[in-house]
Protein backbone atom coordinates (compact mmCIF):
# COMPACT_ATOMS: atom_id res chain seq x y z
CA MET A 1 40.26 -34.61 27.69
CA LEU A 2 36.64 -34.07 28.75
CA LYS A 3 36.42 -33.07 32.41
CA ILE A 4 33.17 -33.33 34.36
CA LEU A 5 33.15 -31.91 37.88
CA ALA A 6 30.88 -33.35 40.55
CA ALA A 7 28.18 -30.88 41.58
CA ALA A 8 29.00 -31.28 45.28
CA LEU A 9 32.64 -30.38 44.64
CA VAL A 10 31.62 -27.37 42.58
CA PHE A 11 29.45 -25.92 45.33
CA ALA A 12 32.13 -26.64 47.93
CA ILE A 13 34.65 -24.51 46.00
CA GLY A 14 32.12 -22.07 44.54
CA SER A 15 33.40 -19.08 46.48
CA GLN A 16 36.71 -19.40 44.63
CA ALA A 17 35.09 -18.94 41.19
CA ALA A 18 34.59 -15.16 41.26
CA HIS A 19 38.03 -13.56 40.78
CA ALA A 20 39.36 -10.24 39.54
CA ASP A 21 39.16 -11.25 35.89
CA VAL A 22 37.59 -14.54 34.82
CA LEU A 23 39.38 -14.74 31.45
CA SER A 24 42.82 -14.01 32.91
CA ASP A 25 42.25 -16.58 35.65
CA ALA A 26 41.09 -19.19 33.13
CA LYS A 27 44.20 -18.68 31.02
CA ALA A 28 46.45 -18.76 34.09
CA SER A 29 44.92 -21.93 35.50
CA GLY A 30 44.23 -23.49 32.11
CA GLU A 31 40.63 -24.16 33.11
CA LEU A 32 37.20 -22.57 32.68
CA LYS A 33 34.34 -24.01 34.73
CA ILE A 34 31.13 -24.18 32.70
CA ALA A 35 27.73 -25.40 33.89
CA THR A 36 25.06 -26.96 31.73
CA GLU A 37 22.37 -29.61 31.87
CA PHE A 38 23.27 -32.89 30.16
CA HIS A 39 19.66 -33.79 29.34
CA PHE A 40 19.22 -31.30 26.49
CA ALA A 41 20.03 -32.99 23.18
CA PRO A 42 21.57 -32.07 20.82
CA PHE A 43 23.37 -29.43 22.88
CA ALA A 44 24.48 -31.55 25.85
CA TYR A 45 23.41 -35.08 26.65
CA LEU A 46 24.50 -38.62 27.47
CA VAL A 47 24.75 -41.29 24.78
CA ASP A 48 25.86 -44.77 25.78
CA GLY A 49 27.19 -43.33 29.02
CA GLN A 50 29.32 -40.72 27.25
CA TYR A 51 28.85 -36.96 27.28
CA ALA A 52 28.17 -35.49 23.85
CA GLY A 53 26.63 -32.52 22.07
CA LEU A 54 27.23 -29.24 20.31
CA ASN A 55 28.05 -27.41 23.57
CA LEU A 56 31.04 -29.65 24.21
CA GLU A 57 32.49 -29.39 20.71
CA LEU A 58 31.85 -25.66 20.37
CA MET A 59 33.28 -24.67 23.75
CA ASP A 60 36.24 -27.03 23.34
CA GLU A 61 37.07 -25.17 20.11
CA VAL A 62 36.63 -21.81 21.84
CA GLY A 63 38.91 -22.99 24.65
CA LYS A 64 41.60 -24.08 22.20
CA ARG A 65 41.57 -20.68 20.53
CA LEU A 66 41.59 -18.75 23.82
CA GLY A 67 44.05 -20.93 25.77
CA PHE A 68 42.07 -22.91 28.36
CA GLU A 69 40.36 -26.27 28.81
CA VAL A 70 36.74 -26.63 29.84
CA SER A 71 35.60 -28.39 33.01
CA TRP A 72 31.90 -29.21 32.76
CA ILE A 73 29.43 -29.17 35.64
CA ASP A 74 26.24 -31.18 35.07
CA LEU A 75 23.25 -29.73 36.95
CA PRO A 76 19.45 -29.63 36.65
CA TRP A 77 18.56 -26.53 34.62
CA ALA A 78 16.63 -24.94 37.50
CA SER A 79 19.90 -24.87 39.49
CA VAL A 80 22.18 -23.58 36.74
CA LEU A 81 21.47 -19.83 36.72
CA PRO A 82 21.31 -19.45 40.53
CA GLY A 83 24.69 -21.20 40.70
CA LEU A 84 26.15 -18.75 38.19
CA GLU A 85 24.91 -15.80 40.23
CA ALA A 86 26.39 -17.36 43.37
CA GLY A 87 29.81 -17.63 41.72
CA ASN A 88 29.92 -21.43 41.80
CA TYR A 89 31.35 -21.48 38.26
CA ASP A 90 32.42 -19.05 35.55
CA PHE A 91 30.04 -19.52 32.65
CA VAL A 92 26.82 -21.21 31.48
CA ALA A 93 26.51 -23.06 28.19
CA GLY A 94 22.90 -24.18 28.57
CA PRO A 95 22.42 -22.74 26.13
CA ALA A 96 19.79 -20.28 27.34
CA MET A 97 17.12 -18.51 25.36
CA VAL A 98 17.91 -14.80 25.15
CA THR A 99 15.11 -12.68 26.62
CA ARG A 100 14.93 -9.02 27.55
CA GLU A 101 14.59 -9.89 31.22
CA ARG A 102 17.64 -12.17 31.13
CA GLN A 103 19.67 -9.58 29.24
CA SER A 104 19.15 -7.20 32.17
CA ARG A 105 20.66 -9.78 34.55
CA TYR A 106 23.32 -11.66 32.58
CA ALA A 107 25.98 -11.02 29.95
CA PHE A 108 25.11 -13.05 26.85
CA THR A 109 27.39 -14.15 24.07
CA LEU A 110 26.43 -13.93 20.42
CA PRO A 111 23.67 -16.43 19.57
CA ILE A 112 24.74 -19.92 18.55
CA ALA A 113 21.39 -21.36 17.42
CA ASP A 114 17.73 -20.69 16.67
CA ALA A 115 15.56 -21.18 19.77
CA THR A 116 12.03 -20.57 18.45
CA VAL A 117 9.54 -22.71 20.38
CA GLY A 118 7.47 -25.48 18.82
CA LEU A 119 5.75 -28.74 19.71
CA ILE A 120 6.65 -32.39 19.32
CA LYS A 121 4.07 -35.20 19.40
CA ARG A 122 3.86 -38.94 18.86
CA GLU A 123 4.15 -39.52 15.12
CA ASN A 124 0.95 -41.59 14.93
CA ASP A 125 -1.22 -39.02 16.74
CA GLY A 126 -3.44 -37.65 13.97
CA SER A 127 -5.35 -35.44 16.38
CA ILE A 128 -2.52 -32.88 16.49
CA GLU A 129 -1.71 -31.41 13.07
CA LYS A 130 -1.00 -27.80 14.08
CA PRO A 131 -0.06 -26.07 17.36
CA GLU A 132 -3.64 -25.00 18.09
CA ASP A 133 -4.71 -28.66 18.19
CA VAL A 134 -3.22 -29.07 21.68
CA ALA A 135 -6.22 -27.17 23.07
CA GLY A 136 -7.66 -29.27 25.88
CA LYS A 137 -4.79 -31.77 25.69
CA ARG A 138 -1.82 -32.48 27.97
CA VAL A 139 1.48 -30.70 27.27
CA GLY A 140 4.85 -31.21 28.95
CA LEU A 141 7.17 -28.28 29.73
CA GLN A 142 10.62 -27.94 31.24
CA ARG A 143 10.47 -26.27 34.64
CA GLY A 144 12.13 -22.87 34.89
CA SER A 145 12.66 -22.44 31.14
CA ALA A 146 11.86 -19.51 28.86
CA GLN A 147 10.30 -22.07 26.50
CA ALA A 148 7.77 -22.91 29.21
CA ASP A 149 6.91 -19.21 29.57
CA GLU A 150 6.44 -18.94 25.81
CA PHE A 151 4.05 -21.89 25.73
CA ARG A 152 2.04 -20.50 28.65
CA ALA A 153 1.52 -17.28 26.70
CA PHE A 154 0.41 -19.32 23.67
CA ASN A 155 -1.81 -21.47 25.88
CA GLU A 156 -3.79 -18.41 26.95
CA THR A 157 -4.87 -17.88 23.33
CA LEU A 158 -6.38 -21.36 22.96
CA PRO A 159 -10.17 -21.87 23.19
CA GLU A 160 -9.56 -24.54 25.84
CA PRO A 161 -6.21 -24.35 27.65
CA ALA A 162 -3.96 -27.37 27.61
CA THR A 163 -3.20 -29.10 30.90
CA ILE A 164 0.45 -28.48 31.72
CA THR A 165 2.86 -30.88 33.38
CA GLU A 166 6.31 -29.60 34.34
CA TYR A 167 9.49 -31.68 34.23
CA VAL A 168 13.00 -31.24 35.58
CA ASP A 169 14.48 -31.88 32.14
CA PHE A 170 13.59 -32.47 28.48
CA THR A 171 14.46 -36.18 28.69
CA GLN A 172 11.78 -36.80 31.32
CA SER A 173 9.14 -34.97 29.32
CA MET A 174 9.92 -37.06 26.23
CA ALA A 175 9.72 -40.26 28.26
CA ASP A 176 6.21 -39.30 29.35
CA LEU A 177 5.29 -38.41 25.77
CA ALA A 178 6.35 -41.88 24.68
CA ALA A 179 4.38 -43.38 27.59
CA ARG A 180 1.27 -41.36 26.58
CA ARG A 181 1.17 -39.46 29.87
CA VAL A 182 1.25 -36.22 27.86
CA ASP A 183 0.12 -35.56 24.29
CA ALA A 184 2.84 -33.12 23.26
CA VAL A 185 5.99 -31.44 24.56
CA ALA A 186 6.93 -27.80 23.94
CA ASN A 187 10.58 -26.89 23.53
CA SER A 188 12.92 -25.11 21.13
CA LEU A 189 13.10 -26.19 17.51
CA PRO A 190 16.68 -27.58 17.57
CA ASN A 191 15.80 -29.91 20.45
CA ILE A 192 12.53 -31.24 19.10
CA ALA A 193 13.78 -31.50 15.50
CA TYR A 194 16.86 -33.44 16.58
CA THR A 195 14.75 -35.77 18.73
CA ALA A 196 12.36 -36.45 15.86
CA THR A 197 15.23 -37.35 13.50
CA GLN A 198 16.75 -39.69 16.07
CA ARG A 199 13.48 -41.28 17.19
CA PRO A 200 10.95 -41.68 14.33
CA MET A 201 8.16 -42.44 16.80
CA PHE A 202 8.00 -38.65 17.31
CA ALA A 203 7.19 -35.82 14.88
CA VAL A 204 7.49 -32.05 14.98
CA VAL A 205 4.19 -30.16 14.81
CA GLU A 206 4.40 -27.53 12.07
CA PRO A 207 4.69 -24.58 12.18
CA THR A 208 6.47 -23.31 15.30
CA PHE A 209 4.28 -20.99 17.33
CA GLY A 210 6.73 -18.92 19.35
CA LYS A 211 8.22 -15.54 18.59
CA PRO A 212 11.63 -15.66 16.86
CA ALA A 213 14.21 -16.47 19.53
CA TYR A 214 17.86 -17.45 19.85
CA PHE A 215 20.08 -19.56 22.07
CA ALA A 216 23.28 -18.10 23.52
CA TYR A 217 25.75 -18.73 26.33
CA MET A 218 26.05 -16.46 29.33
CA ALA A 219 28.19 -15.13 32.17
CA ARG A 220 27.64 -12.92 35.16
CA ASN A 221 26.90 -9.33 34.19
CA ASP A 222 29.89 -7.84 35.99
CA ALA A 223 33.27 -6.29 35.28
CA GLU A 224 35.10 -9.52 36.15
CA SER A 225 33.31 -11.43 33.36
CA ALA A 226 33.31 -8.72 30.69
CA SER A 227 36.62 -9.68 29.07
CA LEU A 228 35.58 -13.35 28.93
CA VAL A 229 32.34 -12.57 27.07
CA GLU A 230 34.17 -10.18 24.72
CA ALA A 231 36.81 -12.81 23.91
CA ILE A 232 34.24 -15.54 23.34
CA ASN A 233 32.25 -13.22 21.07
CA GLU A 234 35.37 -12.44 19.06
CA THR A 235 36.01 -16.18 18.72
CA LEU A 236 32.42 -16.87 17.68
CA GLY A 237 32.77 -14.11 15.09
CA GLN A 238 35.88 -15.82 13.73
CA MET A 239 34.02 -19.13 13.63
CA HIS A 240 31.21 -17.49 11.65
CA GLU A 241 33.77 -16.19 9.15
CA ASP A 242 35.80 -19.39 8.77
CA GLY A 243 32.71 -21.63 8.54
CA SER A 244 33.49 -23.73 11.61
CA LEU A 245 30.33 -22.65 13.45
CA ALA A 246 28.17 -23.49 10.42
CA ALA A 247 29.90 -26.88 10.24
CA LEU A 248 29.02 -27.63 13.86
CA GLN A 249 25.43 -26.48 13.33
CA THR A 250 25.15 -28.73 10.29
CA LYS A 251 26.55 -31.69 12.23
CA TRP A 252 24.15 -31.30 15.15
CA PHE A 253 21.07 -29.67 13.59
CA GLY A 254 21.24 -30.93 10.02
CA ALA A 255 21.79 -27.47 8.50
CA PRO A 256 23.39 -24.09 9.30
CA MET A 257 21.26 -21.66 11.28
CA ASP A 258 20.73 -17.99 10.53
CA VAL A 259 21.53 -16.19 13.81
CA PRO A 260 22.49 -12.60 14.62
CA THR A 261 26.21 -11.85 14.43
CA GLY A 262 25.98 -8.61 16.40
CA ASP A 263 23.86 -6.87 19.02
CA PHE A 264 20.12 -7.45 18.72
CA VAL A 265 16.96 -6.79 20.72
CA PRO A 266 15.12 -10.02 21.62
CA GLU A 267 11.39 -10.14 20.96
CA LEU A 268 10.76 -12.10 24.16
């Protein structure tokens, strides 16, 4: 059964989340509290009032193999990582783009998807045929995201910088793209490719412009969370080997994704 916890309840009981060992506590209680943002298709989103996405199916499978159920907390992305640090929940399945700076602060799992940044536009906009064509145009970004940082770095290379508008979530930015308030939106390839397949009024701008990047899940970088991350990594390794991760990637992205299956150094 899918469990969604109210954000107010989560913060009220947040001080109870940080225990001696997160994995042992999750197995004992039968529950792992995971935060994400449900406006980030195809990873986590609402469809016809129901929660859906790769995050739910992947972490439900992980929970079955490790002996706990997942309780989901739906928050704006800008609130997710501070809440993890505060101990308001056990784990984050954003997923989040792995960066060197984030690796110094959080314990990441193995990657679960490609996260290289690209652009999406209205399909009938012939003025944008490559990433550099957004010079002087209006581009939407998600506030507080590594994808936004990657676009800003790219924006500095353009002959005329794009005008940037920040949004709380990806859904809002796409609504403004449809309404012609922005000319393009920058986000990771799985998100924009999925949106373009679901809504033909949009098209991905080829090629991607960002450095190679990957999505992963994350926990606090402390001794209490170490066994949880290790166990989830072992489970993800098993899912690589038995093909179940590739099957989920194919379902949600249209094809399997080539991601690291061991330690790696992010380029970002």
